[in-house]
PDB file of N, CA and C in Angstrom:
ATOM      1  N   MET A   1       8.819  -7.791   2.430  1.00  0.00           N
ATOM      2  CA  MET A   1       8.481  -6.555   1.646  1.00  0.00           C
ATOM      3  C   MET A   1       9.965  -6.447   0.494  1.00  0.00           C
ATOM      4  N   SER A   2       8.979  -6.218  -0.861  1.00  0.00           N
ATOM      5  CA  SER A   2      10.098  -6.856  -2.126  1.00  0.00           C
ATOM      6  C   SER A   2       9.915  -4.885  -2.325  1.00  0.00           C
ATOM      7  N   ARG A   3      11.630  -4.947  -2.775  1.00  0.00           N
ATOM      8  CA  ARG A   3      11.178  -3.654  -3.523  1.00  0.00           C
ATOM      9  C   ARG A   3      11.228  -3.835  -5.382  1.00  0.00           C
ATOM     10  N   PRO A   4      10.418  -3.273  -5.642  1.00  0.00           N
ATOM     11  CA  PRO A   4       9.876  -3.655  -7.076  1.00  0.00           C
ATOM     12  C   PRO A   4      11.049  -2.949  -7.959  1.00  0.00           C
ATOM     13  N   ARG A   5      11.212  -2.856  -8.920  1.00  0.00           N
ATOM     14  CA  ARG A   5      11.935  -1.993 -10.013  1.00  0.00           C
ATOM     15  C   ARG A   5      11.138  -0.901 -10.187  1.00  0.00           C
ATOM     16  N   ASP A   6      12.108   0.475 -10.039  1.00  0.00           N
ATOM     17  CA  ASP A   6      11.359   1.806 -10.639  1.00  0.00           C
ATOM     18  C   ASP A   6      11.035   1.713 -11.945  1.00  0.00           C
ATOM     19  N   ASP A   7       9.506   2.025 -12.271  1.00  0.00           N
ATOM     20  CA  ASP A   7       8.638   1.620 -13.742  1.00  0.00           C
ATOM     21  C   ASP A   7       7.945   2.933 -13.835  1.00  0.00           C
ATOM     22  N   ALA A   8       8.012   3.538 -14.617  1.00  0.00           N
ATOM     23  CA  ALA A   8       7.068   4.827 -15.272  1.00  0.00           C
ATOM     24  C   ALA A   8       5.775   4.106 -15.301  1.00  0.00           C
ATOM     25  N   GLY A   9       5.462   3.307 -15.781  1.00  0.00           N
ATOM     26  CA  GLY A   9       4.503   2.512 -16.287  1.00  0.00           C
ATOM     27  C   GLY A   9       3.244   2.014 -14.865  1.00  0.00           C
ATOM     28  N   THR A  10       4.287   1.232 -14.168  1.00  0.00           N
ATOM     29  CA  THR A  10       3.325   1.421 -13.022  1.00  0.00           C
ATOM     30  C   THR A  10       2.977   2.299 -12.122  1.00  0.00           C
ATOM     31  N   THR A  11       3.655   3.662 -11.555  1.00  0.00           N
ATOM     32  CA  THR A  11       3.492   4.930 -11.524  1.00  0.00           C
ATOM     33  C   THR A  11       1.926   5.511 -12.118  1.00  0.00           C
ATOM     34  N   ALA A  12       2.376   5.134 -13.271  1.00  0.00           N
ATOM     35  CA  ALA A  12       0.992   5.774 -14.178  1.00  0.00           C
ATOM     36  C   ALA A  12      -0.290   4.703 -14.232  1.00  0.00           C
ATOM     37  N   VAL A  13      -0.384   3.452 -14.214  1.00  0.00           N
ATOM     38  CA  VAL A  13      -1.391   3.057 -13.475  1.00  0.00           C
ATOM     39  C   VAL A  13      -2.024   3.059 -12.231  1.00  0.00           C
ATOM     40  N   LEU A  14      -0.961   3.400 -11.526  1.00  0.00           N
ATOM     41  CA  LEU A  14      -1.284   3.710  -9.775  1.00  0.00           C
ATOM     42  C   LEU A  14      -1.935   5.275  -9.751  1.00  0.00           C
ATOM     43  N   GLU A  15      -1.436   5.702 -10.487  1.00  0.00           N
ATOM     44  CA  GLU A  15      -2.270   7.662 -10.695  1.00  0.00           C
ATOM     45  C   GLU A  15      -4.033   7.221 -11.464  1.00  0.00           C
ATOM     46  N   GLU A  16      -3.346   6.094 -11.946  1.00  0.00           N
ATOM     47  CA  GLU A  16      -5.486   5.797 -12.832  1.00  0.00           C
ATOM     48  C   GLU A  16      -6.180   5.615 -11.909  1.00  0.00           C
ATOM     49  N   LEU A  17      -5.780   4.877 -10.688  1.00  0.00           N
ATOM     50  CA  LEU A  17      -6.756   4.534  -9.844  1.00  0.00           C
ATOM     51  C   LEU A  17      -6.788   5.554  -8.536  1.00  0.00           C
ATOM     52  N   GLY A  18      -6.494   6.248  -8.891  1.00  0.00           N
ATOM     53  CA  GLY A  18      -6.620   7.643  -7.854  1.00  0.00           C
ATOM     54  C   GLY A  18      -5.309   8.032  -7.022  1.00  0.00           C
ATOM     55  N   VAL A  19      -4.130   7.174  -6.954  1.00  0.00           N
ATOM     56  CA  VAL A  19      -3.180   7.368  -6.465  1.00  0.00           C
ATOM     57  C   VAL A  19      -2.280   9.033  -6.260  1.00  0.00           C
ATOM     58  N   ARG A  20      -2.784   9.775  -5.041  1.00  0.00           N
ATOM     59  CA  ARG A  20      -2.113  10.899  -5.240  1.00  0.00           C
ATOM     60  C   ARG A  20      -0.610  11.279  -5.088  1.00  0.00           C
ATOM     61  N   PRO A  21       0.443  10.463  -4.958  1.00  0.00           N
ATOM     62  CA  PRO A  21       1.784  10.582  -4.054  1.00  0.00           C
ATOM     63  C   PRO A  21       2.350  11.668  -3.654  1.00  0.00           C
ATOM     64  N   GLY A  22       1.662  13.048  -4.373  1.00  0.00           N
ATOM     65  CA  GLY A  22       2.311  14.608  -3.610  1.00  0.00           C
ATOM     66  C   GLY A  22       1.679  14.821  -2.777  1.00  0.00           C
ATOM     67  N   ASP A  23       0.047  13.988  -2.161  1.00  0.00           N
ATOM     68  CA  ASP A  23      -0.291  14.288  -1.081  1.00  0.00           C
ATOM     69  C   ASP A  23       0.318  13.873   0.125  1.00  0.00           C
ATOM     70  N   ALA A  24       0.944  13.110   0.237  1.00  0.00           N
ATOM     71  CA  ALA A  24       1.089  12.681   1.637  1.00  0.00           C
ATOM     72  C   ALA A  24       3.066  11.527   1.365  1.00  0.00           C
ATOM     73  N   ASP A  25       3.627  11.622   2.742  1.00  0.00           N
ATOM     74  CA  ASP A  25       4.567  11.134   2.327  1.00  0.00           C
ATOM     75  C   ASP A  25       4.965   9.713   2.085  1.00  0.00           C
ATOM     76  N   LEU A  26       3.787   9.278   2.372  1.00  0.00           N
ATOM     77  CA  LEU A  26       4.131   7.741   1.667  1.00  0.00           C
ATOM     78  C   LEU A  26       2.189   7.067   1.875  1.00  0.00           C
ATOM     79  N   THR A  27       2.094   6.669   0.715  1.00  0.00           N
ATOM     80  CA  THR A  27       0.919   6.171   0.410  1.00  0.00           C
ATOM     81  C   THR A  27       1.004   4.104   0.205  1.00  0.00           C
ATOM     82  N   VAL A  28       0.190   4.221   1.307  1.00  0.00           N
ATOM     83  CA  VAL A  28      -0.093   2.758   0.585  1.00  0.00           C
ATOM     84  C   VAL A  28      -1.346   2.141  -0.047  1.00  0.00           C
ATOM     85  N   VAL A  29      -0.958   1.517  -0.666  1.00  0.00           N
ATOM     86  CA  VAL A  29      -2.101   1.057  -1.911  1.00  0.00           C
ATOM     87  C   VAL A  29      -2.440   0.061  -2.105  1.00  0.00           C
ATOM     88  N   GLN A  30      -3.664  -0.903  -1.393  1.00  0.00           N
ATOM     89  CA  GLN A  30      -4.020  -2.213  -1.315  1.00  0.00           C
ATOM     90  C   GLN A  30      -4.839  -2.862  -2.338  1.00  0.00           C
ATOM     91  N   PHE A  31      -4.412  -3.818  -3.043  1.00  0.00           N
ATOM     92  CA  PHE A  31      -5.573  -4.793  -3.677  1.00  0.00           C
ATOM     93  C   PHE A  31      -5.810  -5.371  -2.819  1.00  0.00           C
ATOM     94  N   SER A  32      -7.225  -5.592  -2.966  1.00  0.00           N
ATOM     95  CA  SER A  32      -7.990  -6.888  -2.087  1.00  0.00           C
ATOM     96  C   SER A  32      -9.111  -6.980  -2.503  1.00  0.00           C
ATOM     97  N   THR A  33      -9.981  -8.077  -2.313  1.00  0.00           N
ATOM     98  CA  THR A  33     -10.831  -8.655  -3.123  1.00  0.00           C
ATOM     99  C   THR A  33     -12.341  -8.942  -1.897  1.00  0.00           C
ATOM    100  N   ALA A  34     -13.455  -9.015  -2.565  1.00  0.00           N
ATOM    101  CA  ALA A  34     -14.845  -8.931  -1.328  1.00  0.00           C
ATOM    102  C   ALA A  34     -14.604  -9.798  -0.478  1.00  0.00           C
ATOM    103  N   PHE A  35     -14.418 -11.133  -0.930  1.00  0.00           N
ATOM    104  CA  PHE A  35     -14.300 -12.047   0.414  1.00  0.00           C
ATOM    105  C   PHE A  35     -13.119 -12.636   0.786  1.00  0.00           C
ATOM    106  N   CYS A  36     -12.083 -11.334   0.543  1.00  0.00           N
ATOM    107  CA  CYS A  36     -10.616 -11.576   1.487  1.00  0.00           C
ATOM    108  C   CYS A  36     -10.825 -11.190   2.601  1.00  0.00           C
ATOM    109  N   GLY A  37     -10.214 -12.612   3.805  1.00  0.00           N
ATOM    110  CA  GLY A  37     -10.749 -12.000   5.101  1.00  0.00           C
ATOM    111  C   GLY A  37      -9.136 -11.067   5.719  1.00  0.00           C
ATOM    112  N   PRO A  38      -8.037 -11.664   5.403  1.00  0.00           N
ATOM    113  CA  PRO A  38      -6.612 -10.920   5.050  1.00  0.00           C
ATOM    114  C   PRO A  38      -6.784 -10.131   5.047  1.00  0.00           C
ATOM    115  N   CYS A  39      -7.635  -9.581   4.135  1.00  0.00           N
ATOM    116  CA  CYS A  39      -7.364  -7.949   3.360  1.00  0.00           C
ATOM    117  C   CYS A  39      -8.444  -7.023   4.136  1.00  0.00           C
ATOM    118  N   ARG A  40      -9.500  -7.444   4.553  1.00  0.00           N
ATOM    119  CA  ARG A  40      -9.972  -6.719   5.180  1.00  0.00           C
ATOM    120  C   ARG A  40      -8.873  -6.328   6.820  1.00  0.00           C
ATOM    121  N   ALA A  41      -8.601  -7.392   7.134  1.00  0.00           N
ATOM    122  CA  ALA A  41      -7.788  -7.469   8.376  1.00  0.00           C
ATOM    123  C   ALA A  41      -6.706  -5.751   8.171  1.00  0.00           C
ATOM    124  N   THR A  42      -5.820  -6.350   6.678  1.00  0.00           N
ATOM    125  CA  THR A  42      -4.701  -5.422   6.352  1.00  0.00           C
ATOM    126  C   THR A  42      -5.414  -4.054   6.333  1.00  0.00           C
ATOM    127  N   ARG A  43      -6.756  -4.126   5.249  1.00  0.00           N
ATOM    128  CA  ARG A  43      -7.655  -2.429   5.641  1.00  0.00           C
ATOM    129  C   ARG A  43      -7.432  -1.757   7.281  1.00  0.00           C
ATOM    130  N   ALA A  44      -7.803  -2.321   8.039  1.00  0.00           N
ATOM    131  CA  ALA A  44      -8.583  -2.129   9.526  1.00  0.00           C
ATOM    132  C   ALA A  44      -6.688  -1.558  10.080  1.00  0.00           C
ATOM    133  N   ARG A  45      -5.993  -2.375   9.560  1.00  0.00           N
ATOM    134  CA  ARG A  45      -4.215  -2.199  10.362  1.00  0.00           C
ATOM    135  C   ARG A  45      -3.803  -0.813   9.759  1.00  0.00           C
ATOM    136  N   LEU A  46      -3.871  -0.361   8.584  1.00  0.00           N
ATOM    137  CA  LEU A  46      -4.107   0.754   7.683  1.00  0.00           C
ATOM    138  C   LEU A  46      -5.116   2.497   8.466  1.00  0.00           C
ATOM    139  N   GLN A  47      -5.923   1.947   8.226  1.00  0.00           N
ATOM    140  CA  GLN A  47      -6.373   2.789   8.489  1.00  0.00           C
ATOM    141  C   GLN A  47      -5.950   3.035  10.609  1.00  0.00           C
ATOM    142  N   GLN A  48      -6.141   2.255  11.062  1.00  0.00           N
ATOM    143  CA  GLN A  48      -5.687   2.463  12.574  1.00  0.00           C
ATOM    144  C   GLN A  48      -3.675   3.402  12.374  1.00  0.00           C
ATOM    145  N   LEU A  49      -3.246   2.688  11.155  1.00  0.00           N
ATOM    146  CA  LEU A  49      -1.667   3.592  11.582  1.00  0.00           C
ATOM    147  C   LEU A  49      -2.064   4.842  10.864  1.00  0.00           C
ATOM    148  N   ARG A  50      -3.143   5.167  10.173  1.00  0.00           N
ATOM    149  CA  ARG A  50      -3.370   6.446   9.281  1.00  0.00           C
ATOM    150  C   ARG A  50      -3.815   7.458  10.446  1.00  0.00           C
ATOM    151  N   THR A  51      -3.977   6.938  11.707  1.00  0.00           N
ATOM    152  CA  THR A  51      -4.507   7.917  12.824  1.00  0.00           C
ATOM    153  C   THR A  51      -3.338   8.756  13.956  1.00  0.00           C
ATOM    154  N   SER A  52      -1.846   7.781  13.208  1.00  0.00           N
ATOM    155  CA  SER A  52      -0.942   7.836  14.445  1.00  0.00           C
ATOM    156  C   SER A  52       0.141   8.576  13.517  1.00  0.00           C
ATOM    157  N   ARG A  53       0.141   8.537  12.207  1.00  0.00           N
ATOM    158  CA  ARG A  53       0.894   8.841  11.463  1.00  0.00           C
ATOM    159  C   ARG A  53       0.188   9.873  10.113  1.00  0.00           C
ATOM    160  N   PRO A  54       0.437  11.323  10.207  1.00  0.00           N
ATOM    161  CA  PRO A  54      -0.173  11.720   8.943  1.00  0.00           C
ATOM    162  C   PRO A  54      -0.007  12.441   8.246  1.00  0.00           C
ATOM    163  N   GLY A  55       1.329  11.975   7.905  1.00  0.00           N
ATOM    164  CA  GLY A  55       1.976  11.282   6.680  1.00  0.00           C
ATOM    165  C   GLY A  55       1.683  10.476   5.514  1.00  0.00           C
ATOM    166  N   LEU A  56       1.006   9.763   6.136  1.00  0.00           N
ATOM    167  CA  LEU A  56       0.145   8.475   5.721  1.00  0.00           C
ATOM    168  C   LEU A  56      -1.217   7.919   5.104  1.00  0.00           C
ATOM    169  N   ALA A  57      -1.069   7.961   3.716  1.00  0.00           N
ATOM    170  CA  ALA A  57      -2.748   7.846   2.801  1.00  0.00           C
ATOM    171  C   ALA A  57      -2.374   6.559   2.388  1.00  0.00           C
ATOM    172  N   TYR A  58      -3.643   6.330   2.473  1.00  0.00           N
ATOM    173  CA  TYR A  58      -4.028   4.970   2.103  1.00  0.00           C
ATOM    174  C   TYR A  58      -4.742   4.956   0.605  1.00  0.00           C
ATOM    175  N   VAL A  59      -4.878   4.143  -0.210  1.00  0.00           N
ATOM    176  CA  VAL A  59      -6.065   3.781  -1.558  1.00  0.00           C
ATOM    177  C   VAL A  59      -6.471   2.546  -1.509  1.00  0.00           C
ATOM    178  N   HIS A  60      -7.536   2.268  -1.229  1.00  0.00           N
ATOM    179  CA  HIS A  60      -7.622   0.809  -1.498  1.00  0.00           C
ATOM    180  C   HIS A  60      -8.049   0.752  -2.802  1.00  0.00           C
ATOM    181  N   VAL A  61      -8.067  -0.533  -3.661  1.00  0.00           N
ATOM    182  CA  VAL A  61      -8.210  -0.822  -4.806  1.00  0.00           C
ATOM    183  C   VAL A  61      -9.128  -1.878  -4.491  1.00  0.00           C
ATOM    184  N   ASP A  62     -10.162  -2.234  -5.662  1.00  0.00           N
ATOM    185  CA  ASP A  62     -11.053  -3.658  -5.608  1.00  0.00           C
ATOM    186  C   ASP A  62     -10.655  -4.367  -6.481  1.00  0.00           C
ATOM    187  N   ALA A  63      -9.332  -5.310  -6.783  1.00  0.00           N
ATOM    188  CA  ALA A  63      -8.942  -6.034  -7.637  1.00  0.00           C
ATOM    189  C   ALA A  63     -10.117  -6.437  -8.932  1.00  0.00           C
ATOM    190  N   GLU A  64     -11.099  -7.023  -8.433  1.00  0.00           N
ATOM    191  CA  GLU A  64     -11.941  -7.436  -9.223  1.00  0.00           C
ATOM    192  C   GLU A  64     -12.500  -6.297  -9.893  1.00  0.00           C
ATOM    193  N   SER A  65     -12.747  -5.335 -10.183  1.00  0.00           N
ATOM    194  CA  SER A  65     -13.016  -4.624 -10.761  1.00  0.00           C
ATOM    195  C   SER A  65     -11.948  -3.656 -11.250  1.00  0.00           C
ATOM    196  N   HIS A  66     -10.688  -4.114 -11.242  1.00  0.00           N
ATOM    197  CA  HIS A  66      -9.988  -3.089 -11.869  1.00  0.00           C
ATOM    198  C   HIS A  66      -8.679  -4.001 -12.388  1.00  0.00           C
ATOM    199  N   LEU A  67      -9.625  -5.245 -13.385  1.00  0.00           N
ATOM    200  CA  LEU A  67      -8.437  -6.668 -13.622  1.00  0.00           C
ATOM    201  C   LEU A  67      -7.107  -5.812 -14.708  1.00  0.00           C
ATOM    202  N   GLU A  68      -7.344  -4.973 -15.112  1.00  0.00           N
ATOM    203  CA  GLU A  68      -6.087  -4.275 -16.384  1.00  0.00           C
ATOM    204  C   GLU A  68      -5.366  -3.892 -15.337  1.00  0.00           C
ATOM    205  N   ALA A  69      -5.300  -2.999 -14.483  1.00  0.00           N
ATOM    206  CA  ALA A  69      -4.377  -2.869 -13.391  1.00  0.00           C
ATOM    207  C   ALA A  69      -3.458  -3.841 -12.638  1.00  0.00           C
ATOM    208  N   VAL A  70      -4.272  -4.560 -12.325  1.00  0.00           N
ATOM    209  CA  VAL A  70      -4.087  -6.155 -11.400  1.00  0.00           C
ATOM    210  C   VAL A  70      -2.819  -6.849 -12.464  1.00  0.00           C
ATOM    211  N   ARG A  71      -3.850  -6.822 -14.036  1.00  0.00           N
ATOM    212  CA  ARG A  71      -2.026  -7.871 -14.919  1.00  0.00           C
ATOM    213  C   ARG A  71      -1.261  -6.312 -15.238  1.00  0.00           C
ATOM    214  N   ALA A  72      -1.547  -5.524 -15.216  1.00  0.00           N
ATOM    215  CA  ALA A  72      -0.334  -4.233 -15.448  1.00  0.00           C
ATOM    216  C   ALA A  72       0.603  -4.433 -14.284  1.00  0.00           C
ATOM    217  N   LEU A  73       0.574  -4.805 -13.621  1.00  0.00           N
ATOM    218  CA  LEU A  73       1.233  -4.556 -11.565  1.00  0.00           C
ATOM    219  C   LEU A  73       1.381  -5.918 -11.356  1.00  0.00           C
ATOM    220  N   GLY A  74       0.869  -6.835 -12.124  1.00  0.00           N
ATOM    221  CA  GLY A  74       1.542  -8.301 -11.269  1.00  0.00           C
ATOM    222  C   GLY A  74       0.835  -9.065 -10.143  1.00  0.00           C
ATOM    223  N   VAL A  75      -0.265  -8.042 -10.230  1.00  0.00           N
ATOM    224  CA  VAL A  75      -0.979  -8.751  -8.760  1.00  0.00           C
ATOM    225  C   VAL A  75      -1.327  -9.892  -8.715  1.00  0.00           C
ATOM    226  N   ARG A  76      -0.826 -11.071  -8.146  1.00  0.00           N
ATOM    227  CA  ARG A  76      -1.050 -12.194  -8.037  1.00  0.00           C
ATOM    228  C   ARG A  76      -1.844 -13.030  -7.078  1.00  0.00           C
ATOM    229  N   ARG A  77      -1.879 -12.340  -5.976  1.00  0.00           N
ATOM    230  CA  ARG A  77      -2.914 -12.494  -4.886  1.00  0.00           C
ATOM    231  C   ARG A  77      -3.246 -11.449  -4.005  1.00  0.00           C
ATOM    232  N   THR A  78      -3.974 -11.440  -2.835  1.00  0.00           N
ATOM    233  CA  THR A  78      -4.675  -9.758  -1.851  1.00  0.00           C
ATOM    234  C   THR A  78      -4.564 -10.680  -0.611  1.00  0.00           C
ATOM    235  N   PRO A  79      -4.296 -10.156  -0.012  1.00  0.00           N
ATOM    236  CA  PRO A  79      -4.128  -8.240  -0.353  1.00  0.00           C
ATOM    237  C   PRO A  79      -2.361  -8.116  -0.923  1.00  0.00           C
ATOM    238  N   THR A  80      -2.347  -7.561  -1.777  1.00  0.00           N
ATOM    239  CA  THR A  80      -0.802  -6.905  -2.687  1.00  0.00           C
ATOM    240  C   THR A  80      -1.139  -5.316  -1.600  1.00  0.00           C
ATOM    241  N   LEU A  81       0.134  -4.851  -1.116  1.00  0.00           N
ATOM    242  CA  LEU A  81       0.274  -3.898  -0.993  1.00  0.00           C
ATOM    243  C   LEU A  81       1.554  -3.197  -1.843  1.00  0.00           C
ATOM    244  N   PHE A  82       1.067  -1.798  -2.503  1.00  0.00           N
ATOM    245  CA  PHE A  82       2.467  -1.225  -2.851  1.00  0.00           C
ATOM    246  C   PHE A  82       2.596   0.294  -2.290  1.00  0.00           C
ATOM    247  N   TYR A  83       3.639   0.569  -2.196  1.00  0.00           N
ATOM    248  CA  TYR A  83       4.088   1.781  -1.298  1.00  0.00           C
ATOM    249  C   TYR A  83       4.797   2.912  -1.459  1.00  0.00           C
ATOM    250  N   VAL A  84       4.395   3.693  -1.716  1.00  0.00           N
ATOM    251  CA  VAL A  84       4.382   4.705  -2.918  1.00  0.00           C
ATOM    252  C   VAL A  84       4.754   6.263  -2.172  1.00  0.00           C
ATOM    253  N   ASP A  85       6.221   6.623  -2.572  1.00  0.00           N
ATOM    254  CA  ASP A  85       6.561   7.620  -1.791  1.00  0.00           C
ATOM    255  C   ASP A  85       6.326   9.322  -2.873  1.00  0.00           C
ATOM    256  N   ARG A  86       5.968  10.542  -2.010  1.00  0.00           N
ATOM    257  CA  ARG A  86       5.521  11.796  -2.284  1.00  0.00           C
ATOM    258  C   ARG A  86       6.134  12.099  -3.909  1.00  0.00           C
ATOM    259  N   ALA A  87       7.264  11.620  -4.426  1.00  0.00           N
ATOM    260  CA  ALA A  87       7.699  12.061  -5.768  1.00  0.00           C
ATOM    261  C   ALA A  87       6.717  10.971  -7.003  1.00  0.00           C
ATOM    262  N   GLY A  88       6.371   9.945  -6.861  1.00  0.00           N
ATOM    263  CA  GLY A  88       5.606   9.024  -6.725  1.00  0.00           C
ATOM    264  C   GLY A  88       6.554   7.849  -7.766  1.00  0.00           C
ATOM    265  N   THR A  89       7.151   7.146  -6.780  1.00  0.00           N
ATOM    266  CA  THR A  89       8.166   6.370  -6.949  1.00  0.00           C
ATOM    267  C   THR A  89       7.707   5.091  -5.949  1.00  0.00           C
ATOM    268  N   VAL A  90       7.714   3.738  -6.551  1.00  0.00           N
ATOM    269  CA  VAL A  90       6.824   2.947  -6.180  1.00  0.00           C
ATOM    270  C   VAL A  90       8.464   2.014  -4.763  1.00  0.00           C
ATOM    271  N   VAL A  91       8.292   2.586  -3.889  1.00  0.00           N
ATOM    272  CA  VAL A  91       9.436   1.767  -3.006  1.00  0.00           C
ATOM    273  C   VAL A  91       9.354   0.659  -1.944  1.00  0.00           C
ATOM    274  N   GLY A  92       8.675  -0.152  -2.416  1.00  0.00           N
ATOM    275  CA  GLY A  92       8.197  -1.349  -1.704  1.00  0.00           C
ATOM    276  C   GLY A  92       7.107  -1.830  -1.738  1.00  0.00           C
ATOM    277  N   ARG A  93       6.550  -3.099  -1.904  1.00  0.00           N
ATOM    278  CA  ARG A  93       5.750  -4.006  -2.369  1.00  0.00           C
ATOM    279  C   ARG A  93       5.330  -5.327  -1.477  1.00  0.00           C
ATOM    280  N   ALA A  94       4.463  -5.842  -0.952  1.00  0.00           N
ATOM    281  CA  ALA A  94       4.325  -6.672  -0.254  1.00  0.00           C
ATOM    282  C   ALA A  94       3.008  -7.352  -0.913  1.00  0.00           C
ATOM    283  N   ASP A  95       2.925  -8.509  -0.463  1.00  0.00           N
ATOM    284  CA  ASP A  95       2.061  -9.701  -0.632  1.00  0.00           C
ATOM    285  C   ASP A  95       1.721 -10.306   1.121  1.00  0.00           C
ATOM    286  N   GLY A  96       0.044 -10.281   1.048  1.00  0.00           N
ATOM    287  CA  GLY A  96       0.171 -11.348   2.354  1.00  0.00           C
ATOM    288  C   GLY A  96      -0.570  -9.834   3.080  1.00  0.00           C
ATOM    289  N   ALA A  97      -1.112 -10.589   4.341  1.00  0.00           N
ATOM    290  CA  ALA A  97      -1.435  -9.507   5.429  1.00  0.00           C
ATOM    291  C   ALA A  97      -0.586  -9.499   6.276  1.00  0.00           C
ATOM    292  N   PRO A  98       0.618  -8.551   6.374  1.00  0.00           N
ATOM    293  CA  PRO A  98       1.285  -8.187   7.646  1.00  0.00           C
ATOM    294  C   PRO A  98       0.596  -8.062   8.752  1.00  0.00           C
ATOM    295  N   PRO A  99       1.358  -8.411   9.699  1.00  0.00           N
ATOM    296  CA  PRO A  99       0.754  -8.484  11.191  1.00  0.00           C
ATOM    297  C   PRO A  99       0.600  -6.821  11.837  1.00  0.00           C
ATOM    298  N   LEU A 100       0.143  -6.379  12.656  1.00  0.00           N
ATOM    299  CA  LEU A 100       0.504  -4.549  12.434  1.00  0.00           C
ATOM    300  C   LEU A 100       1.790  -4.208  13.110  1.00  0.00           C
ATOM    301  N   PRO A 101       2.930  -4.906  13.941  1.00  0.00           N
ATOM    302  CA  PRO A 101       3.771  -4.225  14.083  1.00  0.00           C
ATOM    303  C   PRO A 101       4.657  -4.457  12.837  1.00  0.00           C
ATOM    304  N   ALA A 102       4.332  -5.233  11.525  1.00  0.00           N
ATOM    305  CA  ALA A 102       5.687  -5.577  11.142  1.00  0.00           C
ATOM    306  C   ALA A 102       5.209  -4.429   9.863  1.00  0.00           C
ATOM    307  N   LEU A 103       3.613  -3.968   9.606  1.00  0.00           N
ATOM    308  CA  LEU A 103       3.300  -2.968   8.687  1.00  0.00           C
ATOM    309  C   LEU A 103       3.403  -1.757   9.770  1.00  0.00           C
ATOM    310  N   ALA A 104       3.598  -1.652  10.291  1.00  0.00           N
ATOM    311  CA  ALA A 104       3.793  -0.490  11.489  1.00  0.00           C
ATOM    312  C   ALA A 104       5.113   0.235  11.363  1.00  0.00           C
ATOM    313  N   ALA A 105       6.465  -1.203  11.146  1.00  0.00           N
ATOM    314  CA  ALA A 105       7.645  -1.274  11.459  1.00  0.00           C
ATOM    315  C   ALA A 105       8.164  -0.237   9.547  1.00  0.00           C
ATOM    316  N   ALA A 106       7.574  -1.675   8.470  1.00  0.00           N
ATOM    317  CA  ALA A 106       7.980  -0.812   7.111  1.00  0.00           C
ATOM    318  C   ALA A 106       7.035   0.636   6.858  1.00  0.00           C
ATOM    319  N   VAL A 107       6.461   0.482   7.146  1.00  0.00           N
ATOM    320  CA  VAL A 107       5.552   2.598   7.042  1.00  0.00           C
ATOM    321  C   VAL A 107       6.221   3.398   7.845  1.00  0.00           C
ATOM    322  N   ASP A 108       6.842   3.059   9.086  1.00  0.00           N
ATOM    323  CA  ASP A 108       7.685   3.960   9.454  1.00  0.00           C
ATOM    324  C   ASP A 108       9.520   3.815   8.910  1.00  0.00           C
ATOM    325  N   ALA A 109       9.979   2.774   8.157  1.00  0.00           N
ATOM    326  CA  ALA A 109      11.252   2.867   8.094  1.00  0.00           C
ATOM    327  C   ALA A 109      11.040   3.591   6.285  1.00  0.00           C
ATOM    328  N   LEU A 110       9.867   3.512   5.998  1.00  0.00           N
ATOM    329  CA  LEU A 110       9.849   4.393   4.314  1.00  0.00           C
ATOM    330  C   LEU A 110       9.692   5.454   4.506  1.00  0.00           C
ATOM    331  N   THR A 111       9.147   6.248   5.927  1.00  0.00           N
ATOM    332  CA  THR A 111       8.607   7.428   6.085  1.00  0.00           C
ATOM    333  C   THR A 111      10.050   8.275   6.660  1.00  0.00           C
ATOM    334  N   GLY A 112      10.303   7.549   7.632  1.00  0.00           N
ATOM    335  CA  GLY A 112      11.907   8.070   8.088  1.00  0.00           C
ATOM    336  C   GLY A 112      11.113   7.962  10.083  1.00  0.00           C
ATOM    337  N   VAL A 113       9.983   7.688  10.162  1.00  0.00           N
ATOM    338  CA  VAL A 113       9.171   7.777  11.452  1.00  0.00           C
ATOM    339  C   VAL A 113       9.624   6.940  12.195  1.00  0.00           C
ATOM    340  N   ARG A 114      10.123   6.624  13.493  1.00  0.00           N
ATOM    341  CA  ARG A 114      10.644   5.920  14.422  1.00  0.00           C
ATOM    342  C   ARG A 114       9.789   5.896  15.787  1.00  0.00           C
ATOM    343  N   THR A 115       8.546   5.098  15.737  1.00  0.00           N
ATOM    344  CA  THR A 115       7.528   5.525  16.819  1.00  0.00           C
ATOM    345  C   THR A 115       6.816   3.944  16.830  1.00  0.00           C
ATOM    346  N   GLY A 116       6.709   3.918  18.527  1.00  0.00           N
ATOM    347  CA  GLY A 116       6.308   2.181  18.253  1.00  0.00           C
ATOM    348  C   GLY A 116       4.664   2.188  18.246  1.00  0.00           C
ATOM    349  N   VAL A 117       4.124   0.916  18.240  1.00  0.00           N
ATOM    350  CA  VAL A 117       2.884   1.013  18.314  1.00  0.00           C
ATOM    351  C   VAL A 117       2.786  -0.001  18.720  1.00  0.00           C
ATOM    352  N   SER A 118       1.306  -0.492  19.692  1.00  0.00           N
ATOM    353  CA  SER A 118       0.897  -1.150  20.315  1.00  0.00           C
ATOM    354  C   SER A 118       0.219  -2.334  19.922  1.00  0.00           C
ATOM    355  N   THR A 119      -0.055  -3.332  20.294  1.00  0.00           N
ATOM    356  CA  THR A 119      -0.899  -4.500  19.637  1.00  0.00           C
ATOM    357  C   THR A 119      -2.042  -4.712  19.952  1.00  0.00           C
TER     358      THR A 119
END
């Protein structure tokens, strides 16, 4: 996971897509496409994590339907994940489909939660 530069433009684009950072400790925004197998797997993993992490929100964005946002945010592949904290700051970004343990570790690190995850 990389740390993007803090950019008010990025935050504004994400909010236009329906991201409401104040509603959760951490919001994961996933850009994906309809025929992307790794995107479906990542979506399922994030939905699974939401059940055990009440401070986690998830927003799915169809990249093909939001090409302006894709360009503005520099999304080059799917899935691409943006991690947004409660203040609206993008605190991380990841390209590709992380395995559940890696995804859980990233979420836990960014929320300050220390729980294990079974695979």
